[in-house]
Amino acid sequence: MKTTQESLNLKELEVFLTKRLAEEYLDITSLIVNCIKEKDKITILLQHSPPVSSFFEQIFSLVKKLLKQKSFGKNQQFKLCLAIYGESPYVVDNFTVLSRHKTKQKKSKKGKKFNSKNTFLLLLFGSSLFTLTLIYLSIQPCVIGKCENITNAQELARESQELIKEEDLLKAELKLKASLENLQSIPWFSSSYSEAKKLTNDYEKKLHNLQEFLEDIKIANQTLIEFQQLKTTAEWEQYLQKLAQVINNLRKVSNSSEFYAISQETLIIYEQKLTELTNLYNLEKSAENNVLTAVEMAQISVLRQQQAYSLKEWQLVNLTWSLVTNRLKAITPENIAYQQTQQLLTEYQPIIKEAQDKLKQEETAYKTSQYAINTALKARKSEQEQQYTLAIEHWKNALNILSKINPNTSQFEQSQTLSKDYQTFLTQAEQQLKFTQIRQKANQDLDKICLNQEKICTYTLGKDNLIKVYLNQEYLQKVLRIAISNQVQGDLMQHISSVQKALEVVSNKHQLPLEVYHSDGGLLFSYSPN
């Protein structure tokens, strides 16, 4: 049964579907319909502008409904594809549209008997076989009459070349495949078979080149999609190598090739992308190196922290941790390594907090120790100025400051040594204050004796706490003259004895040893307090 002219007129079908879809379905913009014959199947490619449609079921249902309005000579198979311009179909549906013409089946008459003669049967069989052969040959393409398959194939190939120039490669591929199907349907016994074979070889080569180029473009597009899925720098390296290979394949396209123009346009895009992604890779590699360096430094810091004792050692530990955190915090959320850095920062935080607390303790202990030392220096200065009361106050303050140093710090041992020394110095200062006060009172008592009504004597009271009294020459001569004139020798001795007793009272009172000298320097007597 021959197909109708309507089923073969694909251009008319394209126009029909384009018009009706535009009238009845307005949710897809810039819809283009292409119909291509492939053996017994008609491929209908619906291309539209982005984005992907989520209403493809309604679109397919409408197309099937419209196809049922057309007449086909037999049950026609269709392949319906929906795609964005220049991309592979994202939805495909295969279906059959049943013919609207019912075929009448002849009922065989039962009960009739054929002539049983063998000759008649053989003649009948031979005649039928010959007739069937003629019918078979007559329905084969390019056996009788003009070979339209050659013409159709050449037209489809020409249309394919035009589509390549327009850079619509997927549609060009479909056209070239349909062209080859027309040629491949020509039987070997056709007079056009030789020409068909030659054209087939030529078109297969073109199809191979087109598909090879499409594969390069497909790989290139897939490569850009893979960029979103990269998780490690090792994957980055493989990815960049793959992208470089894509670019290398595009560069190999000869300037005489029909794909040269589109390859150059694509090449520019992908070279720019390679440069951009290489820069991003370098940033990722730098981020990864920062993580590796930070981890190594953290390991060193942990070891130092386990062994740290002095302030300087704890300062070094915290400096190392600071370098670690600065490197990790320099990694942004856009970096692949960001998640890892957040985990590391969380892991390191308790250790860093411990190191920071320990450093604060050591710094506080050091400052406290220095404050105590400076206070001790003030005490020393006060002692040099014989301000023993102030010196005692400073020594006490220094001891109080040292008592506040944390026992768990490196300064504690030194503070204990300083405390012992400062306690000794405090005792000495207190003694010096006591002796000073004694000397002051002794001086007052000695002044009363030596400088009562007249100058009887002079004295010294040095750091050795020894009272040295020198009797005044004029006083002795005066007393001697009085004694001679009165001829009272005993009165002189009695007077001197009273002075001696007064001096001994001072010595006992203040627990200071006493020496009394003649005016000429000779020792008259010495006295030790009880």
Protein backbone atom coordinates (compact mmCIF):
# COMPACT_ATOMS: atom_id res chain seq x y z
CA MET A 1 0.00 0.00 0.00
CA LYS A 2 1.56 3.34 -1.04
CA THR A 3 1.92 6.25 1.35
CA THR A 4 0.03 9.41 0.56
CA GLN A 5 1.77 12.50 -0.75
CA GLU A 6 0.93 14.23 2.57
CA SER A 7 3.00 11.74 4.56
CA LEU A 8 6.04 12.36 2.37
CA ASN A 9 5.79 16.16 2.38
CA LEU A 10 7.83 16.83 5.52
CA LYS A 11 8.07 20.57 4.79
CA GLU A 12 4.30 20.82 4.83
CA LEU A 13 4.21 18.85 8.10
CA GLU A 14 6.78 21.24 9.64
CA VAL A 15 4.69 24.26 8.64
CA PHE A 16 1.50 22.62 9.93
CA LEU A 17 2.95 21.74 13.32
CA THR A 18 4.72 25.10 13.73
CA LYS A 19 1.51 27.03 13.04
CA ARG A 20 -0.74 24.88 15.24
CA LEU A 21 1.71 24.76 18.17
CA ALA A 22 2.05 28.53 18.05
CA GLU A 23 -1.75 28.87 18.12
CA GLU A 24 -2.47 26.34 20.87
CA TYR A 25 0.63 26.40 23.08
CA LEU A 26 2.21 29.70 24.00
CA ASP A 27 4.36 28.66 27.01
CA ILE A 28 7.40 27.86 24.86
CA THR A 29 9.18 30.74 23.13
CA SER A 30 10.82 30.75 19.68
CA LEU A 31 9.75 27.18 18.83
CA ILE A 32 11.28 25.65 15.66
CA VAL A 33 9.94 22.39 14.19
CA ASN A 34 12.09 20.11 11.99
CA CYS A 35 10.84 16.87 10.44
CA ILE A 36 13.35 14.31 9.17
CA LYS A 37 12.66 10.96 7.49
CA GLU A 38 14.65 8.05 8.93
CA LYS A 39 13.77 4.72 7.23
CA ASP A 40 10.21 3.92 8.39
CA LYS A 41 10.29 6.53 11.12
CA ILE A 42 9.81 10.31 11.06
CA THR A 43 11.85 12.28 13.61
CA ILE A 44 10.19 15.50 14.79
CA LEU A 45 12.70 17.80 16.52
CA LEU A 46 11.22 20.65 18.54
CA GLN A 47 13.89 23.26 19.44
CA HIS A 48 13.27 26.27 21.68
CA SER A 49 15.15 28.91 23.66
CA PRO A 50 16.10 28.30 27.33
CA PRO A 51 15.03 27.35 29.92
CA VAL A 52 14.09 23.66 29.89
CA SER A 53 10.31 23.25 29.78
CA SER A 54 8.60 21.35 32.59
CA PHE A 55 5.43 20.97 30.46
CA PHE A 56 6.84 18.56 27.90
CA GLU A 57 4.04 16.03 28.51
CA GLN A 58 1.40 18.59 27.47
CA ILE A 59 3.51 19.54 24.42
CA PHE A 60 3.93 15.90 23.32
CA SER A 61 0.23 15.22 23.88
CA LEU A 62 -0.66 18.20 21.67
CA VAL A 63 1.72 17.09 18.90
CA LYS A 64 0.23 13.56 18.92
CA LYS A 65 -3.26 15.03 18.74
CA LEU A 66 -2.26 17.18 15.75
CA LEU A 67 -0.62 14.24 13.97
CA LYS A 68 -3.83 12.21 14.29
CA GLN A 69 -5.51 14.91 12.20
CA LYS A 70 -3.22 14.10 9.28
CA SER A 71 -3.68 11.11 6.99
CA PHE A 72 -0.97 8.45 6.64
CA GLY A 73 -1.11 5.45 4.34
CA LYS A 74 -0.09 3.04 7.07
CA ASN A 75 0.59 3.04 10.78
CA GLN A 76 3.36 5.66 10.90
CA GLN A 77 6.15 5.53 13.53
CA PHE A 78 7.38 8.80 15.01
CA LYS A 79 10.28 9.90 17.22
CA LEU A 80 9.47 13.14 19.04
CA CYS A 81 12.42 15.12 20.54
CA LEU A 82 12.37 18.30 22.65
CA ALA A 83 15.65 20.26 22.91
CA ILE A 84 17.15 23.69 23.59
CA TYR A 85 18.85 25.22 20.54
CA GLY A 86 22.19 23.55 19.76
CA GLU A 87 21.88 21.01 22.58
CA SER A 88 20.98 17.33 22.75
CA PRO A 89 17.29 16.51 23.32
CA TYR A 90 16.35 16.41 26.98
CA VAL A 91 13.10 14.47 26.33
CA VAL A 92 12.48 11.80 23.64
CA ASP A 93 9.26 9.87 22.92
CA ASN A 94 8.66 7.11 20.34
CA PHE A 95 5.09 6.42 19.28
CA THR A 96 2.91 5.28 16.36
CA VAL A 97 0.00 7.13 14.75
CA LEU A 98 -2.62 4.66 13.55
CA SER A 99 -4.03 5.04 10.03
CA ARG A 100 -7.53 6.49 9.77
CA HIS A 101 -8.27 4.17 6.73
CA LYS A 102 -9.58 0.75 7.53
CA THR A 103 -8.47 -2.10 5.28
CA LYS A 104 -11.04 -4.62 4.12
CA GLN A 105 -10.18 -8.23 4.64
CA LYS A 106 -11.47 -10.70 2.15
CA LYS A 107 -13.22 -13.65 3.64
CA SER A 108 -12.24 -16.97 2.22
CA LYS A 109 -15.02 -19.09 1.04
CA LYS A 110 -15.22 -22.37 2.78
CA GLY A 111 -16.31 -25.65 1.31
CA LYS A 112 -15.03 -25.07 -2.25
CA LYS A 113 -12.62 -27.65 -3.65
CA PHE A 114 -9.71 -26.82 -5.99
CA ASN A 115 -8.90 -28.71 -9.12
CA SER A 116 -6.61 -31.48 -8.03
CA LYS A 117 -4.54 -31.66 -11.19
CA ASN A 118 -0.81 -31.24 -10.49
CA THR A 119 -0.11 -29.36 -13.71
CA PHE A 120 -2.62 -26.73 -12.93
CA LEU A 121 -1.22 -26.29 -9.44
CA LEU A 122 2.35 -25.91 -10.70
CA LEU A 123 1.32 -23.39 -13.32
CA LEU A 124 -0.70 -21.51 -10.75
CA PHE A 125 2.23 -21.51 -8.26
CA GLY A 126 4.74 -20.41 -10.89
CA SER A 127 2.49 -17.65 -12.12
CA SER A 128 1.94 -16.41 -8.55
CA LEU A 129 5.65 -16.46 -7.74
CA PHE A 130 6.48 -14.51 -10.89
CA THR A 131 3.75 -12.00 -10.10
CA LEU A 132 4.95 -11.59 -6.51
CA THR A 133 8.54 -11.10 -7.72
CA LEU A 134 7.45 -8.40 -10.13
CA ILE A 135 5.45 -6.71 -7.36
CA TYR A 136 8.43 -6.88 -4.94
CA LEU A 137 10.79 -5.43 -7.53
CA SER A 138 8.34 -2.71 -8.41
CA ILE A 139 8.04 -1.49 -4.83
CA GLN A 140 11.83 -1.42 -4.20
CA PRO A 141 13.34 2.10 -4.45
CA CYS A 142 15.27 3.02 -7.56
CA VAL A 143 14.44 -0.20 -9.47
CA ILE A 144 11.86 1.15 -11.84
CA GLY A 145 11.81 4.74 -13.02
CA LYS A 146 13.74 7.73 -11.68
CA CYS A 147 15.68 7.19 -8.40
CA GLU A 148 14.14 9.74 -6.03
CA ASN A 149 16.18 8.37 -3.10
CA ILE A 150 19.36 9.73 -4.72
CA THR A 151 17.72 13.12 -5.24
CA ASN A 152 16.34 13.19 -1.66
CA ALA A 153 19.72 12.12 -0.24
CA GLN A 154 21.56 14.85 -2.13
CA GLU A 155 19.03 17.46 -1.05
CA LEU A 156 19.30 16.38 2.60
CA ALA A 157 23.11 16.45 2.37
CA ARG A 158 22.96 19.95 0.88
CA GLU A 159 20.62 21.07 3.68
CA SER A 160 23.04 19.52 6.17
CA GLN A 161 25.90 21.63 4.77
CA GLU A 162 23.79 24.77 5.06
CA LEU A 163 22.98 23.93 8.67
CA ILE A 164 26.68 23.47 9.42
CA LYS A 165 27.32 26.98 8.10
CA GLU A 166 24.53 28.19 10.37
CA GLU A 167 26.25 26.28 13.23
CA ASP A 168 23.15 24.15 13.84
CA LEU A 169 25.19 20.95 14.08
CA LEU A 170 22.65 18.65 15.75
CA LYS A 171 20.08 19.30 13.04
CA ALA A 172 22.80 18.92 10.40
CA GLU A 173 23.62 15.49 11.86
CA LEU A 174 19.98 14.42 11.65
CA LYS A 175 19.78 15.57 8.03
CA LEU A 176 22.95 13.70 7.08
CA LYS A 177 21.71 10.53 8.80
CA ALA A 178 18.42 10.77 6.90
CA SER A 179 20.41 11.24 3.68
CA LEU A 180 22.36 8.04 4.32
CA GLU A 181 19.15 6.13 5.14
CA ASN A 182 17.79 7.11 1.73
CA LEU A 183 20.95 5.82 0.06
CA GLN A 184 21.19 2.64 2.13
CA SER A 185 17.64 1.64 1.18
CA ILE A 186 18.66 1.33 -2.50
CA PRO A 187 19.08 -2.42 -3.30
CA TRP A 188 22.19 -3.87 -4.91
CA PHE A 189 20.36 -4.78 -8.08
CA SER A 190 19.31 -1.15 -8.71
CA SER A 191 20.96 0.64 -11.60
CA SER A 192 21.58 3.54 -9.17
CA TYR A 193 23.35 1.33 -6.60
CA SER A 194 26.86 2.27 -7.78
CA GLU A 195 26.12 5.99 -7.51
CA ALA A 196 24.43 5.44 -4.17
CA LYS A 197 27.47 3.54 -2.90
CA LYS A 198 29.79 6.38 -3.91
CA LEU A 199 27.57 8.99 -2.25
CA THR A 200 27.24 6.78 0.83
CA ASN A 201 31.02 6.63 1.25
CA ASP A 202 31.25 10.40 0.85
CA TYR A 203 28.39 11.17 3.26
CA GLU A 204 29.55 8.60 5.84
CA LYS A 205 32.93 10.32 5.89
CA LYS A 206 31.21 13.69 6.36
CA LEU A 207 28.97 12.23 9.06
CA HIS A 208 32.01 10.75 10.80
CA ASN A 209 33.77 14.14 10.76
CA LEU A 210 30.62 15.89 11.97
CA GLN A 211 30.04 13.38 14.77
CA GLU A 212 33.70 13.54 15.76
CA PHE A 213 33.48 17.33 15.98
CA LEU A 214 30.17 17.08 17.86
CA GLU A 215 31.82 14.68 20.28
CA ASP A 216 34.57 17.26 20.91
CA ILE A 217 31.93 19.92 21.54
CA LYS A 218 29.98 17.52 23.76
CA ILE A 219 33.11 16.71 25.78
CA ALA A 220 33.84 20.44 26.03
CA ASN A 221 30.33 21.17 27.35
CA GLN A 222 30.48 18.25 29.77
CA THR A 223 33.87 19.50 30.96
CA LEU A 224 32.39 22.86 31.90
CA ILE A 225 29.60 21.09 33.79
CA GLU A 226 32.16 18.93 35.64
CA PHE A 227 33.75 22.11 36.99
CA GLN A 228 30.87 22.46 39.44
CA GLN A 229 31.61 19.00 40.89
CA LEU A 230 35.33 19.41 41.66
CA LYS A 231 36.19 18.56 45.26
CA THR A 232 39.99 18.25 45.40
CA THR A 233 42.97 19.89 43.71
CA ALA A 234 43.86 16.46 42.27
CA GLU A 235 40.50 16.52 40.46
CA TRP A 236 41.29 20.10 39.41
CA GLU A 237 44.54 18.96 37.79
CA GLN A 238 42.79 16.18 35.85
CA TYR A 239 40.06 18.61 34.89
CA LEU A 240 42.50 21.21 33.51
CA GLN A 241 44.32 18.49 31.57
CA LYS A 242 41.00 17.40 30.07
CA LEU A 243 40.10 21.00 29.19
CA ALA A 244 43.53 21.50 27.63
CA GLN A 245 42.95 18.35 25.52
CA VAL A 246 39.61 19.75 24.35
CA ILE A 247 41.35 22.96 23.32
CA ASN A 248 44.09 20.96 21.59
CA ASN A 249 41.45 19.06 19.59
CA LEU A 250 39.82 22.35 18.54
CA ARG A 251 43.20 23.72 17.46
CA LYS A 252 43.71 20.71 15.21
CA VAL A 253 40.72 21.66 13.05
CA SER A 254 42.16 22.69 9.69
CA ASN A 255 41.35 26.12 8.26
CA SER A 256 40.03 24.27 5.20
CA SER A 257 37.51 22.35 7.33
CA GLU A 258 33.85 23.24 7.23
CA PHE A 259 33.97 23.31 11.04
CA TYR A 260 36.88 25.79 11.18
CA ALA A 261 34.76 28.92 11.87
CA ILE A 262 32.77 27.39 14.69
CA SER A 263 35.89 25.71 16.09
CA GLN A 264 37.65 29.09 16.28
CA GLU A 265 34.70 30.69 18.06
CA THR A 266 34.55 27.80 20.51
CA LEU A 267 38.34 27.85 20.91
CA ILE A 268 38.33 31.49 22.03
CA ILE A 269 35.67 30.74 24.66
CA TYR A 270 37.47 27.70 26.01
CA GLU A 271 40.92 29.33 26.02
CA GLN A 272 39.49 32.16 28.10
CA LYS A 273 37.84 29.59 30.34
CA LEU A 274 41.10 27.67 30.70
CA THR A 275 42.93 30.86 31.76
CA GLU A 276 40.16 31.74 34.21
CA LEU A 277 40.03 28.24 35.69
CA THR A 278 43.82 27.97 35.83
CA ASN A 279 43.86 31.13 37.95
CA LEU A 280 41.16 29.63 40.16
CA TYR A 281 43.17 26.42 40.39
CA ASN A 282 46.23 28.37 41.50
CA LEU A 283 44.11 29.96 44.22
CA GLU A 284 42.81 26.54 45.22
CA LYS A 285 46.34 25.13 45.24
CA SER A 286 47.50 28.05 47.36
CA ALA A 287 44.60 27.42 49.75
CA GLU A 288 45.49 23.73 49.93
CA ASN A 289 49.14 24.58 50.60
CA ASN A 290 48.01 26.95 53.36
CA VAL A 291 46.05 24.11 54.94
CA LEU A 292 49.01 21.70 54.71
CA THR A 293 51.38 24.31 56.14
CA ALA A 294 48.90 25.17 58.90
CA VAL A 295 48.56 21.49 59.84
CA GLU A 296 52.35 21.08 59.99
CA MET A 297 52.70 24.23 62.10
CA ALA A 298 49.89 23.02 64.39
CA GLN A 299 51.75 19.76 64.97
CA ILE A 300 54.88 21.72 65.89
CA SER A 301 52.86 24.00 68.16
CA VAL A 302 51.31 21.02 69.99
CA LEU A 303 54.80 19.61 70.69
CA ARG A 304 56.04 23.01 71.90
CA GLN A 305 52.97 23.40 74.07
CA GLN A 306 53.63 20.05 75.75
CA GLN A 307 57.18 21.17 76.66
CA ALA A 308 56.64 24.90 77.28
CA TYR A 309 57.59 26.31 80.70
CA SER A 310 58.91 29.85 80.55
CA LEU A 311 57.17 32.99 79.37
CA LYS A 312 59.22 33.09 76.15
CA GLU A 313 58.33 29.49 75.37
CA TRP A 314 54.62 30.19 75.82
CA GLN A 315 54.94 33.31 73.69
CA LEU A 316 56.45 31.18 70.92
CA VAL A 317 53.64 28.60 71.24
CA ASN A 318 50.97 31.30 70.90
CA LEU A 319 52.79 32.96 68.01
CA THR A 320 52.79 29.63 66.16
CA TRP A 321 49.08 29.13 66.83
CA SER A 322 48.43 32.66 65.59
CA LEU A 323 50.20 31.85 62.31
CA VAL A 324 48.14 28.65 62.02
CA THR A 325 44.79 30.40 62.51
CA ASN A 326 45.73 33.27 60.18
CA ARG A 327 46.50 30.81 57.38
CA LEU A 328 43.26 28.91 57.94
CA LYS A 329 41.12 32.05 58.20
CA ALA A 330 42.58 33.34 54.93
CA ILE A 331 40.71 30.54 53.13
CA THR A 332 37.32 31.79 51.89
CA PRO A 333 34.01 29.89 51.59
CA GLU A 334 34.56 29.78 47.81
CA ASN A 335 37.61 27.53 48.27
CA ILE A 336 37.26 23.74 48.19
CA ALA A 337 39.39 23.53 51.34
CA TYR A 338 37.05 25.83 53.32
CA GLN A 339 35.07 23.03 54.98
CA GLN A 340 38.28 21.33 56.07
CA THR A 341 39.62 24.58 57.54
CA GLN A 342 36.46 25.05 59.60
CA GLN A 343 36.83 21.55 61.00
CA LEU A 344 40.49 22.19 61.83
CA LEU A 345 39.71 25.51 63.52
CA THR A 346 37.06 23.77 65.64
CA GLU A 347 39.53 21.01 66.49
CA TYR A 348 42.34 23.44 67.41
CA GLN A 349 40.19 25.89 69.38
CA PRO A 350 40.38 24.15 72.82
CA ILE A 351 44.17 23.72 72.49
CA ILE A 352 44.61 27.35 71.43
CA LYS A 353 42.44 28.51 74.35
CA GLU A 354 44.60 26.53 76.78
CA ALA A 355 47.78 28.08 75.32
CA GLN A 356 46.29 31.59 75.52
CA ASP A 357 45.24 31.11 79.15
CA LYS A 358 48.67 29.79 80.06
CA LEU A 359 50.36 32.73 78.34
CA LYS A 360 48.17 35.17 80.29
CA GLN A 361 49.17 33.44 83.56
CA GLU A 362 52.86 33.67 82.66
CA GLU A 363 52.57 37.31 81.59
CA THR A 364 50.74 38.21 84.79
CA ALA A 365 53.33 36.33 86.89
CA TYR A 366 56.20 38.04 85.06
CA LYS A 367 54.66 41.50 85.46
CA THR A 368 54.01 40.80 89.15
CA SER A 369 57.58 39.64 89.66
CA GLN A 370 58.95 42.76 87.92
CA TYR A 371 56.69 44.95 90.04
CA ALA A 372 58.07 43.30 93.20
CA ILE A 373 61.66 43.78 91.99
CA ASN A 374 61.02 47.47 91.25
CA THR A 375 59.49 47.88 94.71
CA ALA A 376 62.62 46.27 96.24
CA LEU A 377 64.78 48.79 94.33
CA LYS A 378 62.78 51.59 95.98
CA ALA A 379 63.43 49.97 99.36
CA ARG A 380 67.17 49.90 98.66
CA LYS A 381 67.17 53.54 97.68
CA SER A 382 65.31 54.47 100.88
CA GLU A 383 67.89 52.56 102.94
CA GLN A 384 70.71 54.45 101.22
CA GLU A 385 68.97 57.65 102.20
CA GLN A 386 68.56 56.22 105.74
CA GLN A 387 64.77 56.43 105.39
CA TYR A 388 64.30 53.12 107.12
CA THR A 389 60.59 53.55 107.84
CA LEU A 390 59.91 53.99 104.09
CA ALA A 391 62.33 51.18 103.29
CA ILE A 392 60.42 48.81 105.61
CA GLU A 393 57.15 49.76 103.89
CA HIS A 394 58.64 48.99 100.44
CA TRP A 395 60.05 45.64 101.59
CA LYS A 396 56.67 44.63 102.98
CA ASN A 397 54.93 45.66 99.74
CA ALA A 398 57.46 43.67 97.70
CA LEU A 399 56.82 40.56 99.81
CA ASN A 400 53.04 41.01 99.48
CA ILE A 401 53.33 41.31 95.68
CA LEU A 402 55.45 38.15 95.45
CA SER A 403 52.86 36.21 97.45
CA LYS A 404 50.31 36.76 94.65
CA ILE A 405 52.34 34.92 91.97
CA ASN A 406 50.54 31.78 90.71
CA PRO A 407 52.32 28.59 91.91
CA ASN A 408 51.67 27.02 88.47
CA THR A 409 53.88 29.54 86.65
CA SER A 410 57.57 29.58 85.86
CA GLN A 411 58.01 32.73 88.00
CA PHE A 412 56.94 31.01 91.20
CA GLU A 413 60.29 29.40 91.99
CA GLN A 414 62.11 32.71 91.53
CA SER A 415 59.46 34.45 93.66
CA GLN A 416 60.18 32.06 96.53
CA THR A 417 63.90 32.86 96.39
CA LEU A 418 63.19 36.60 96.23
CA SER A 419 60.77 36.30 99.14
CA LYS A 420 63.51 34.80 101.35
CA ASP A 421 65.95 37.55 100.38
CA TYR A 422 63.39 40.32 100.85
CA GLN A 423 62.44 38.96 104.27
CA THR A 424 66.10 39.16 105.31
CA PHE A 425 66.35 42.70 103.97
CA LEU A 426 63.14 43.63 105.80
CA THR A 427 64.61 42.33 109.10
CA GLN A 428 67.78 44.28 108.52
CA ALA A 429 65.83 47.43 107.75
CA GLU A 430 63.76 46.99 110.87
CA GLN A 431 66.98 46.57 112.89
CA GLN A 432 68.47 49.64 111.29
CA LEU A 433 65.32 51.57 112.14
CA LYS A 434 65.54 50.32 115.71
CA PHE A 435 69.23 51.28 116.03
CA THR A 436 68.51 54.65 114.48
CA GLN A 437 65.81 55.31 117.00
CA ILE A 438 68.15 54.14 119.83
CA ARG A 439 70.95 56.40 118.60
CA GLN A 440 68.55 59.32 118.40
CA LYS A 441 67.52 58.84 122.04
CA ALA A 442 71.15 58.15 123.10
CA ASN A 443 72.18 61.38 121.38
CA GLN A 444 69.57 63.26 123.35
CA ASP A 445 70.81 61.78 126.65
CA LEU A 446 74.48 62.42 125.75
CA ASP A 447 73.65 66.00 124.85
CA LYS A 448 72.20 66.50 128.32
CA ILE A 449 75.41 65.21 129.92
CA CYS A 450 78.00 66.80 127.65
CA LEU A 451 76.18 70.05 126.98
CA ASN A 452 74.36 70.64 130.26
CA GLN A 453 75.43 74.10 131.42
CA GLU A 454 78.77 74.12 129.83
CA LYS A 455 80.51 71.97 127.31
CA ILE A 456 81.89 69.08 129.32
CA CYS A 457 82.54 66.64 126.48
CA THR A 458 82.01 65.63 122.87
CA TYR A 459 80.94 62.24 121.59
CA THR A 460 80.48 60.09 118.53
CA LEU A 461 77.98 57.28 117.86
CA GLY A 462 78.78 55.55 114.59
CA LYS A 463 77.42 52.57 112.66
CA ASP A 464 79.32 50.28 114.98
CA ASN A 465 76.96 51.55 117.73
CA LEU A 466 79.93 52.38 120.03
CA ILE A 467 79.67 55.53 122.16
CA LYS A 468 82.99 57.37 122.26
CA VAL A 469 83.12 60.29 124.72
CA TYR A 470 85.96 62.83 124.71
CA LEU A 471 86.28 65.04 127.81
CA ASN A 472 86.75 68.71 126.98
CA GLN A 473 90.27 70.08 127.72
CA GLU A 474 89.01 73.45 128.92
CA TYR A 475 86.49 71.78 131.21
CA LEU A 476 89.18 69.53 132.72
CA GLN A 477 91.56 72.49 133.28
CA LYS A 478 88.80 74.51 134.94
CA VAL A 479 87.85 71.68 137.26
CA LEU A 480 91.55 71.12 138.01
CA ARG A 481 92.12 74.80 138.88
CA ILE A 482 89.15 74.80 141.22
CA ALA A 483 90.39 71.67 142.90
CA ILE A 484 93.92 73.05 143.33
CA SER A 485 92.73 76.34 144.70
CA ASN A 486 90.53 74.59 147.18
CA GLN A 487 93.04 71.91 147.73
CA VAL A 488 90.25 69.39 147.34
CA GLN A 489 91.63 66.54 145.26
CA GLY A 490 88.73 64.29 146.12
CA ASP A 491 86.16 66.71 144.68
CA LEU A 492 87.74 66.44 141.23
CA MET A 493 87.60 62.68 141.25
CA GLN A 494 84.08 62.78 142.61
CA HIS A 495 82.96 65.07 139.80
CA ILE A 496 84.56 62.92 137.15
CA SER A 497 82.97 59.86 138.77
CA SER A 498 79.51 61.44 138.56
CA VAL A 499 79.99 62.09 134.82
CA GLN A 500 81.13 58.49 134.39
CA LYS A 501 78.10 57.17 136.16
CA ALA A 502 75.80 59.32 134.04
CA LEU A 503 77.45 57.95 130.89
CA GLU A 504 77.11 54.37 132.17
CA VAL A 505 73.40 54.95 132.72
CA VAL A 506 73.08 56.01 129.06
CA SER A 507 75.05 52.91 128.01
CA ASN A 508 72.83 50.59 130.01
CA LYS A 509 69.66 52.35 128.95
CA HIS A 510 70.34 52.00 125.26
CA GLN A 511 72.52 48.87 125.39
CA LEU A 512 75.42 50.62 123.71
CA PRO A 513 79.09 50.03 124.65
CA LEU A 514 80.95 53.08 126.03
CA GLU A 515 84.52 54.39 125.84
CA VAL A 516 85.65 57.62 127.59
CA TYR A 517 88.79 59.38 126.41
CA HIS A 518 90.99 62.17 127.80
CA SER A 519 91.15 65.28 125.73
CA ASP A 520 94.61 64.26 124.60
CA GLY A 521 93.13 60.99 123.20
CA GLY A 522 94.10 58.67 125.96
CA LEU A 523 91.50 56.10 127.04
CA LEU A 524 90.29 56.79 130.54
CA PHE A 525 87.89 53.83 130.80
CA SER A 526 85.51 51.63 128.81
CA TYR A 527 82.14 50.21 129.75
CA SER A 528 79.88 47.41 128.45
CA PRO A 529 76.16 47.59 129.18
CA ASN A 530 74.58 45.03 131.51
